[in-house]
Every structure is written in structure tokens, then in C-alpha cells.
Amino acid sequence: MSLGIVTYLSYSQGGVMHGGYGVTGVLATIYSLIGLILGILTLREKDIYRIFPVLGTILNVVALGGVSFLLYLGSRL
């Protein structure tokens, strides 16, 4: 969500980014990687409610895909 807000703010200012916007992207990537690792490790446990680790894993993969997509678009322009 924070990455979407930062992308919108950058777009609304004509593509001008402040240094804090880049830090937000790096932090979003780090948090998504940590969440993905924790979700996969939790899925390997027994006797758990599987809905939350599955949702967490899916959301972190989507977040990493979004960051990758933004980086790809940035390299192509």
C-alpha cells in the first residue's frame, strides 16, 4: 500500500521523486521478502490454521511482483 501511495505521489508531481520515495521501495521489498520467507516456513508447520500463512504468502508474492514491475517500467523509460 505504501508503495502505491509513493508511486501515485511521484506520478502526480510529474515523475519527480524525493529520496524518501526510494527508501520506501527498498523497505517494501525487504518487508515482502521477510514476509514471504516467514509464510513459507509457517506453511511447513503442522497443526496450524493454513488460511493466514497462505494469504500472507500470496500477498507478499503480489507485493514483490509489484516492486519488480515498477523497476522494470523504470528501466524501460
PDB file of N, CA and C in Angstrom:
ATOM      1  N   MET A   1       0.826  -1.183   0.000  1.00  0.00           N
ATOM      2  CA  MET A   1       0.000   0.000   0.000  1.00  0.00           C
ATOM      3  C   MET A   1       0.882   1.263   0.000  1.00  0.00           C
ATOM      4  N   SER A   2       1.934   1.236   0.799  1.00  0.00           N
ATOM      5  CA  SER A   2       2.824   2.403   0.847  1.00  0.00           C
ATOM      6  C   SER A   2       3.518   2.610  -0.497  1.00  0.00           C
ATOM      7  N   LEU A   3       3.831   1.528  -1.166  1.00  0.00           N
ATOM      8  CA  LEU A   3       4.476   1.647  -2.474  1.00  0.00           C
ATOM      9  C   LEU A   3       3.517   2.256  -3.492  1.00  0.00           C
ATOM     10  N   GLY A   4       2.251   1.908  -3.406  1.00  0.00           N
ATOM     11  CA  GLY A   4       1.251   2.502  -4.291  1.00  0.00           C
ATOM     12  C   GLY A   4       1.084   3.992  -4.047  1.00  0.00           C
ATOM     13  N   ILE A   5       1.104   4.399  -2.784  1.00  0.00           N
ATOM     14  CA  ILE A   5       0.992   5.817  -2.447  1.00  0.00           C
ATOM     15  C   ILE A   5       2.193   6.588  -2.976  1.00  0.00           C
ATOM     16  N   VAL A   6       3.371   6.033  -2.790  1.00  0.00           N
ATOM     17  CA  VAL A   6       4.584   6.696  -3.265  1.00  0.00           C
ATOM     18  C   VAL A   6       4.583   6.795  -4.788  1.00  0.00           C
ATOM     19  N   THR A   7       4.125   5.768  -5.464  1.00  0.00           N
ATOM     20  CA  THR A   7       4.047   5.796  -6.921  1.00  0.00           C
ATOM     21  C   THR A   7       3.068   6.866  -7.382  1.00  0.00           C
ATOM     22  N   TYR A   8       1.935   6.957  -6.722  1.00  0.00           N
ATOM     23  CA  TYR A   8       0.951   7.978  -7.068  1.00  0.00           C
ATOM     24  C   TYR A   8       1.514   9.388  -6.841  1.00  0.00           C
ATOM     25  N   LEU A   9       2.174   9.594  -5.713  1.00  0.00           N
ATOM     26  CA  LEU A   9       2.748  10.908  -5.425  1.00  0.00           C
ATOM     27  C   LEU A   9       3.804  11.295  -6.456  1.00  0.00           C
ATOM     28  N   SER A  10       4.613  10.340  -6.854  1.00  0.00           N
ATOM     29  CA  SER A  10       5.634  10.608  -7.867  1.00  0.00           C
ATOM     30  C   SER A  10       4.985  10.931  -9.212  1.00  0.00           C
ATOM     31  N   TYR A  11       3.946  10.198  -9.558  1.00  0.00           N
ATOM     32  CA  TYR A  11       3.243  10.432 -10.819  1.00  0.00           C
ATOM     33  C   TYR A  11       2.572  11.800 -10.814  1.00  0.00           C
ATOM     34  N   SER A  12       1.958  12.161  -9.688  1.00  0.00           N
ATOM     35  CA  SER A  12       1.252  13.436  -9.623  1.00  0.00           C
ATOM     36  C   SER A  12       2.203  14.632  -9.666  1.00  0.00           C
ATOM     37  N   GLN A  13       3.476  14.423  -9.335  1.00  0.00           N
ATOM     38  CA  GLN A  13       4.465  15.500  -9.377  1.00  0.00           C
ATOM     39  C   GLN A  13       5.288  15.463 -10.669  1.00  0.00           C
ATOM     40  N   GLY A  14       4.802  14.760 -11.651  1.00  0.00           N
ATOM     41  CA  GLY A  14       5.469  14.725 -12.950  1.00  0.00           C
ATOM     42  C   GLY A  14       6.685  13.824 -12.987  1.00  0.00           C
ATOM     43  N   GLY A  15       6.743  12.823 -12.153  1.00  0.00           N
ATOM     44  CA  GLY A  15       7.850  11.880 -12.148  1.00  0.00           C
ATOM     45  C   GLY A  15       9.017  12.288 -11.273  1.00  0.00           C
ATOM     46  N   VAL A  16       8.886  13.394 -10.571  1.00  0.00           N
ATOM     47  CA  VAL A  16       9.947  13.843  -9.678  1.00  0.00           C
ATOM     48  C   VAL A  16       9.832  13.095  -8.362  1.00  0.00           C
ATOM     49  N   MET A  17      10.917  12.447  -7.975  1.00  0.00           N
ATOM     50  CA  MET A  17      10.899  11.660  -6.741  1.00  0.00           C
ATOM     51  C   MET A  17      11.861  12.269  -5.733  1.00  0.00           C
ATOM     52  N   HIS A  18      11.465  12.197  -4.485  1.00  0.00           N
ATOM     53  CA  HIS A  18      12.343  12.589  -3.398  1.00  0.00           C
ATOM     54  C   HIS A  18      13.092  11.349  -2.909  1.00  0.00           C
ATOM     55  N   GLY A  19      14.143  11.530  -2.140  1.00  0.00           N
ATOM     56  CA  GLY A  19      14.944  10.408  -1.649  1.00  0.00           C
ATOM     57  C   GLY A  19      14.152   9.449  -0.782  1.00  0.00           C
ATOM     58  N   GLY A  20      13.193   9.966  -0.044  1.00  0.00           N
ATOM     59  CA  GLY A  20      12.375   9.114   0.815  1.00  0.00           C
ATOM     60  C   GLY A  20      11.517   8.130   0.042  1.00  0.00           C
ATOM     61  N   TYR A  21      11.171   8.476  -1.192  1.00  0.00           N
ATOM     62  CA  TYR A  21      10.366   7.568  -2.006  1.00  0.00           C
ATOM     63  C   TYR A  21      11.144   6.299  -2.346  1.00  0.00           C
ATOM     64  N   GLY A  22      12.418   6.445  -2.634  1.00  0.00           N
ATOM     65  CA  GLY A  22      13.255   5.286  -2.927  1.00  0.00           C
ATOM     66  C   GLY A  22      13.440   4.397  -1.722  1.00  0.00           C
ATOM     67  N   VAL A  23      13.571   5.014  -0.548  1.00  0.00           N
ATOM     68  CA  VAL A  23      13.703   4.247   0.691  1.00  0.00           C
ATOM     69  C   VAL A  23      12.443   3.433   0.935  1.00  0.00           C
ATOM     70  N   THR A  24      11.287   3.999   0.602  1.00  0.00           N
ATOM     71  CA  THR A  24      10.031   3.268   0.753  1.00  0.00           C
ATOM     72  C   THR A  24      10.017   2.024  -0.121  1.00  0.00           C
ATOM     73  N   GLY A  25      10.521   2.121  -1.328  1.00  0.00           N
ATOM     74  CA  GLY A  25      10.587   0.963  -2.216  1.00  0.00           C
ATOM     75  C   GLY A  25      11.515  -0.115  -1.698  1.00  0.00           C
ATOM     76  N   VAL A  26      12.659   0.291  -1.169  1.00  0.00           N
ATOM     77  CA  VAL A  26      13.609  -0.674  -0.609  1.00  0.00           C
ATOM     78  C   VAL A  26      13.013  -1.365   0.611  1.00  0.00           C
ATOM     79  N   LEU A  27      12.383  -0.585   1.486  1.00  0.00           N
ATOM     80  CA  LEU A  27      11.772  -1.172   2.683  1.00  0.00           C
ATOM     81  C   LEU A  27      10.616  -2.097   2.326  1.00  0.00           C
ATOM     82  N   ALA A  28       9.817  -1.719   1.336  1.00  0.00           N
ATOM     83  CA  ALA A  28       8.721  -2.590   0.907  1.00  0.00           C
ATOM     84  C   ALA A  28       9.254  -3.913   0.381  1.00  0.00           C
ATOM     85  N   THR A  29      10.367  -3.872  -0.342  1.00  0.00           N
ATOM     86  CA  THR A  29      10.974  -5.096  -0.855  1.00  0.00           C
ATOM     87  C   THR A  29      11.506  -5.967   0.281  1.00  0.00           C
ATOM     88  N   ILE A  30      12.189  -5.353   1.226  1.00  0.00           N
ATOM     89  CA  ILE A  30      12.745  -6.114   2.356  1.00  0.00           C
ATOM     90  C   ILE A  30      11.631  -6.749   3.181  1.00  0.00           C
ATOM     91  N   TYR A  31      10.586  -5.962   3.486  1.00  0.00           N
ATOM     92  CA  TYR A  31       9.481  -6.496   4.280  1.00  0.00           C
ATOM     93  C   TYR A  31       8.748  -7.616   3.539  1.00  0.00           C
ATOM     94  N   SER A  32       8.608  -7.484   2.232  1.00  0.00           N
ATOM     95  CA  SER A  32       7.947  -8.533   1.456  1.00  0.00           C
ATOM     96  C   SER A  32       8.779  -9.811   1.421  1.00  0.00           C
ATOM     97  N   LEU A  33      10.086  -9.678   1.291  1.00  0.00           N
ATOM     98  CA  LEU A  33      10.945 -10.872   1.313  1.00  0.00           C
ATOM     99  C   LEU A  33      10.887 -11.571   2.666  1.00  0.00           C
ATOM    100  N   ILE A  34      10.945 -10.795   3.748  1.00  0.00           N
ATOM    101  CA  ILE A  34      10.859 -11.381   5.087  1.00  0.00           C
ATOM    102  C   ILE A  34       9.510 -12.055   5.286  1.00  0.00           C
ATOM    103  N   GLY A  35       8.437 -11.389   4.859  1.00  0.00           N
ATOM    104  CA  GLY A  35       7.103 -11.973   4.986  1.00  0.00           C
ATOM    105  C   GLY A  35       6.941 -13.238   4.173  1.00  0.00           C
ATOM    106  N   LEU A  36       7.534 -13.264   2.990  1.00  0.00           N
ATOM    107  CA  LEU A  36       7.461 -14.457   2.148  1.00  0.00           C
ATOM    108  C   LEU A  36       8.193 -15.627   2.795  1.00  0.00           C
ATOM    109  N   ILE A  37       9.379 -15.369   3.321  1.00  0.00           N
ATOM    110  CA  ILE A  37      10.146 -16.425   3.997  1.00  0.00           C
ATOM    111  C   ILE A  37       9.392 -16.941   5.214  1.00  0.00           C
ATOM    112  N   LEU A  38       8.848 -16.037   6.020  1.00  0.00           N
ATOM    113  CA  LEU A  38       8.100 -16.463   7.210  1.00  0.00           C
ATOM    114  C   LEU A  38       6.827 -17.222   6.834  1.00  0.00           C
ATOM    115  N   GLY A  39       6.163 -16.793   5.763  1.00  0.00           N
ATOM    116  CA  GLY A  39       4.967 -17.501   5.312  1.00  0.00           C
ATOM    117  C   GLY A  39       5.276 -18.913   4.857  1.00  0.00           C
ATOM    118  N   ILE A  40       6.368 -19.084   4.127  1.00  0.00           N
ATOM    119  CA  ILE A  40       6.753 -20.420   3.660  1.00  0.00           C
ATOM    120  C   ILE A  40       7.155 -21.304   4.839  1.00  0.00           C
ATOM    121  N   LEU A  41       7.901 -20.740   5.781  1.00  0.00           N
ATOM    122  CA  LEU A  41       8.289 -21.526   6.956  1.00  0.00           C
ATOM    123  C   LEU A  41       7.078 -21.928   7.783  1.00  0.00           C
ATOM    124  N   THR A  42       6.106 -21.037   7.891  1.00  0.00           N
ATOM    125  CA  THR A  42       4.900 -21.361   8.662  1.00  0.00           C
ATOM    126  C   THR A  42       4.068 -22.417   7.951  1.00  0.00           C
ATOM    127  N   LEU A  43       4.047 -22.419   6.635  1.00  0.00           N
ATOM    128  CA  LEU A  43       3.294 -23.430   5.900  1.00  0.00           C
ATOM    129  C   LEU A  43       3.845 -24.834   6.130  1.00  0.00           C
ATOM    130  N   ARG A  44       5.088 -24.942   6.500  1.00  0.00           N
ATOM    131  CA  ARG A  44       5.706 -26.251   6.733  1.00  0.00           C
ATOM    132  C   ARG A  44       5.348 -26.821   8.101  1.00  0.00           C
ATOM    133  N   GLU A  45       4.798 -26.004   8.994  1.00  0.00           N
ATOM    134  CA  GLU A  45       4.436 -26.483  10.326  1.00  0.00           C
ATOM    135  C   GLU A  45       3.147 -27.287  10.269  1.00  0.00           C
ATOM    136  N   LYS A  46       2.970 -28.126  11.277  1.00  0.00           N
ATOM    137  CA  LYS A  46       1.752 -28.929  11.378  1.00  0.00           C
ATOM    138  C   LYS A  46       0.838 -28.307  12.418  1.00  0.00           C
ATOM    139  N   ASP A  47      -0.425 -28.669  12.371  1.00  0.00           N
ATOM    140  CA  ASP A  47      -1.444 -28.217  13.317  1.00  0.00           C
ATOM    141  C   ASP A  47      -1.568 -26.693  13.362  1.00  0.00           C
ATOM    142  N   ILE A  48      -1.756 -26.086  12.203  1.00  0.00           N
ATOM    143  CA  ILE A  48      -1.950 -24.635  12.133  1.00  0.00           C
ATOM    144  C   ILE A  48      -3.188 -24.352  11.289  1.00  0.00           C
ATOM    145  N   TYR A  49      -3.727 -23.154  11.429  1.00  0.00           N
ATOM    146  CA  TYR A  49      -4.745 -22.681  10.509  1.00  0.00           C
ATOM    147  C   TYR A  49      -4.024 -22.206   9.254  1.00  0.00           C
ATOM    148  N   ARG A  50      -4.274 -22.860   8.148  1.00  0.00           N
ATOM    149  CA  ARG A  50      -3.488 -22.626   6.946  1.00  0.00           C
ATOM    150  C   ARG A  50      -3.889 -21.359   6.195  1.00  0.00           C
ATOM    151  N   ILE A  51      -5.036 -20.772   6.504  1.00  0.00           N
ATOM    152  CA  ILE A  51      -5.522 -19.642   5.726  1.00  0.00           C
ATOM    153  C   ILE A  51      -4.588 -18.429   5.834  1.00  0.00           C
ATOM    154  N   PHE A  52      -4.080 -18.144   7.024  1.00  0.00           N
ATOM    155  CA  PHE A  52      -3.258 -16.950   7.200  1.00  0.00           C
ATOM    156  C   PHE A  52      -1.862 -17.074   6.580  1.00  0.00           C
ATOM    157  N   PRO A  53      -1.175 -18.198   6.733  1.00  0.00           N
ATOM    158  CA  PRO A  53       0.106 -18.318   6.022  1.00  0.00           C
ATOM    159  C   PRO A  53      -0.054 -18.299   4.500  1.00  0.00           C
ATOM    160  N   VAL A  54      -1.142 -18.880   4.004  1.00  0.00           N
ATOM    161  CA  VAL A  54      -1.381 -18.874   2.556  1.00  0.00           C
ATOM    162  C   VAL A  54      -1.652 -17.448   2.082  1.00  0.00           C
ATOM    163  N   LEU A  55      -2.523 -16.723   2.798  1.00  0.00           N
ATOM    164  CA  LEU A  55      -2.814 -15.337   2.434  1.00  0.00           C
ATOM    165  C   LEU A  55      -1.562 -14.465   2.506  1.00  0.00           C
ATOM    166  N   GLY A  56      -0.774 -14.641   3.548  1.00  0.00           N
ATOM    167  CA  GLY A  56       0.454 -13.873   3.691  1.00  0.00           C
ATOM    168  C   GLY A  56       1.444 -14.150   2.578  1.00  0.00           C
ATOM    169  N   THR A  57       1.583 -15.408   2.220  1.00  0.00           N
ATOM    170  CA  THR A  57       2.490 -15.776   1.131  1.00  0.00           C
ATOM    171  C   THR A  57       2.021 -15.181  -0.184  1.00  0.00           C
ATOM    172  N   ILE A  58       0.729 -15.278  -0.465  1.00  0.00           N
ATOM    173  CA  ILE A  58       0.186 -14.737  -1.719  1.00  0.00           C
ATOM    174  C   ILE A  58       0.358 -13.219  -1.769  1.00  0.00           C
ATOM    175  N   LEU A  59       0.032 -12.528  -0.679  1.00  0.00           N
ATOM    176  CA  LEU A  59       0.153 -11.067  -0.665  1.00  0.00           C
ATOM    177  C   LEU A  59       1.603 -10.609  -0.808  1.00  0.00           C
ATOM    178  N   ASN A  60       2.530 -11.342  -0.220  1.00  0.00           N
ATOM    179  CA  ASN A  60       3.941 -10.978  -0.355  1.00  0.00           C
ATOM    180  C   ASN A  60       4.457 -11.241  -1.763  1.00  0.00           C
ATOM    181  N   VAL A  61       3.984 -12.281  -2.406  1.00  0.00           N
ATOM    182  CA  VAL A  61       4.373 -12.531  -3.802  1.00  0.00           C
ATOM    183  C   VAL A  61       3.819 -11.425  -4.699  1.00  0.00           C
ATOM    184  N   VAL A  62       2.583 -11.000  -4.439  1.00  0.00           N
ATOM    185  CA  VAL A  62       1.988  -9.904  -5.211  1.00  0.00           C
ATOM    186  C   VAL A  62       2.778  -8.613  -4.993  1.00  0.00           C
ATOM    187  N   ALA A  63       3.172  -8.335  -3.751  1.00  0.00           N
ATOM    188  CA  ALA A  63       3.948  -7.127  -3.457  1.00  0.00           C
ATOM    189  C   ALA A  63       5.306  -7.163  -4.152  1.00  0.00           C
ATOM    190  N   LEU A  64       5.979  -8.304  -4.118  1.00  0.00           N
ATOM    191  CA  LEU A  64       7.268  -8.420  -4.814  1.00  0.00           C
ATOM    192  C   LEU A  64       7.099  -8.292  -6.324  1.00  0.00           C
ATOM    193  N   GLY A  65       6.002  -8.829  -6.832  1.00  0.00           N
ATOM    194  CA  GLY A  65       5.714  -8.669  -8.261  1.00  0.00           C
ATOM    195  C   GLY A  65       5.475  -7.211  -8.622  1.00  0.00           C
ATOM    196  N   GLY A  66       4.793  -6.471  -7.738  1.00  0.00           N
ATOM    197  CA  GLY A  66       4.568  -5.050  -7.977  1.00  0.00           C
ATOM    198  C   GLY A  66       5.853  -4.251  -7.979  1.00  0.00           C
ATOM    199  N   VAL A  67       6.730  -4.545  -7.036  1.00  0.00           N
ATOM    200  CA  VAL A  67       8.025  -3.861  -6.991  1.00  0.00           C
ATOM    201  C   VAL A  67       8.832  -4.205  -8.238  1.00  0.00           C
ATOM    202  N   SER A  68       8.823  -5.454  -8.633  1.00  0.00           N
ATOM    203  CA  SER A  68       9.554  -5.869  -9.835  1.00  0.00           C
ATOM    204  C   SER A  68       8.995  -5.180 -11.075  1.00  0.00           C
ATOM    205  N   PHE A  69       7.680  -5.083 -11.143  1.00  0.00           N
ATOM    206  CA  PHE A  69       7.041  -4.424 -12.281  1.00  0.00           C
ATOM    207  C   PHE A  69       7.425  -2.946 -12.345  1.00  0.00           C
ATOM    208  N   LEU A  70       7.421  -2.268 -11.203  1.00  0.00           N
ATOM    209  CA  LEU A  70       7.801  -0.858 -11.180  1.00  0.00           C
ATOM    210  C   LEU A  70       9.267  -0.670 -11.574  1.00  0.00           C
ATOM    211  N   LEU A  71      10.128  -1.569 -11.111  1.00  0.00           N
ATOM    212  CA  LEU A  71      11.536  -1.486 -11.506  1.00  0.00           C
ATOM    213  C   LEU A  71      11.707  -1.732 -13.000  1.00  0.00           C
ATOM    214  N   TYR A  72      10.946  -2.658 -13.535  1.00  0.00           N
ATOM    215  CA  TYR A  72      11.002  -2.929 -14.975  1.00  0.00           C
ATOM    216  C   TYR A  72      10.532  -1.711 -15.775  1.00  0.00           C
ATOM    217  N   LEU A  73       9.419  -1.116 -15.345  1.00  0.00           N
ATOM    218  CA  LEU A  73       8.928   0.072 -16.043  1.00  0.00           C
ATOM    219  C   LEU A  73       9.933   1.216 -15.960  1.00  0.00           C
ATOM    220  N   GLY A  74      10.575   1.365 -14.799  1.00  0.00           N
ATOM    221  CA  GLY A  74      11.559   2.420 -14.634  1.00  0.00           C
ATOM    222  C   GLY A  74      12.776   2.226 -15.521  1.00  0.00           C
ATOM    223  N   SER A  75      13.142   0.989 -15.774  1.00  0.00           N
ATOM    224  CA  SER A  75      14.311   0.731 -16.617  1.00  0.00           C
ATOM    225  C   SER A  75      13.998   0.887 -18.100  1.00  0.00           C
ATOM    226  N   ARG A  76      12.727   0.757 -18.459  1.00  0.00           N
ATOM    227  CA  ARG A  76      12.330   0.838 -19.865  1.00  0.00           C
ATOM    228  C   ARG A  76      12.057   2.256 -20.318  1.00  0.00           C
ATOM    229  N   LEU A  77      11.863   3.187 -19.380  1.00  0.00           N
ATOM    230  CA  LEU A  77      11.508   4.558 -19.782  1.00  0.00           C
ATOM    231  C   LEU A  77      12.697   5.431 -19.920  1.00  0.00           C
TER     232      LEU A  77
END
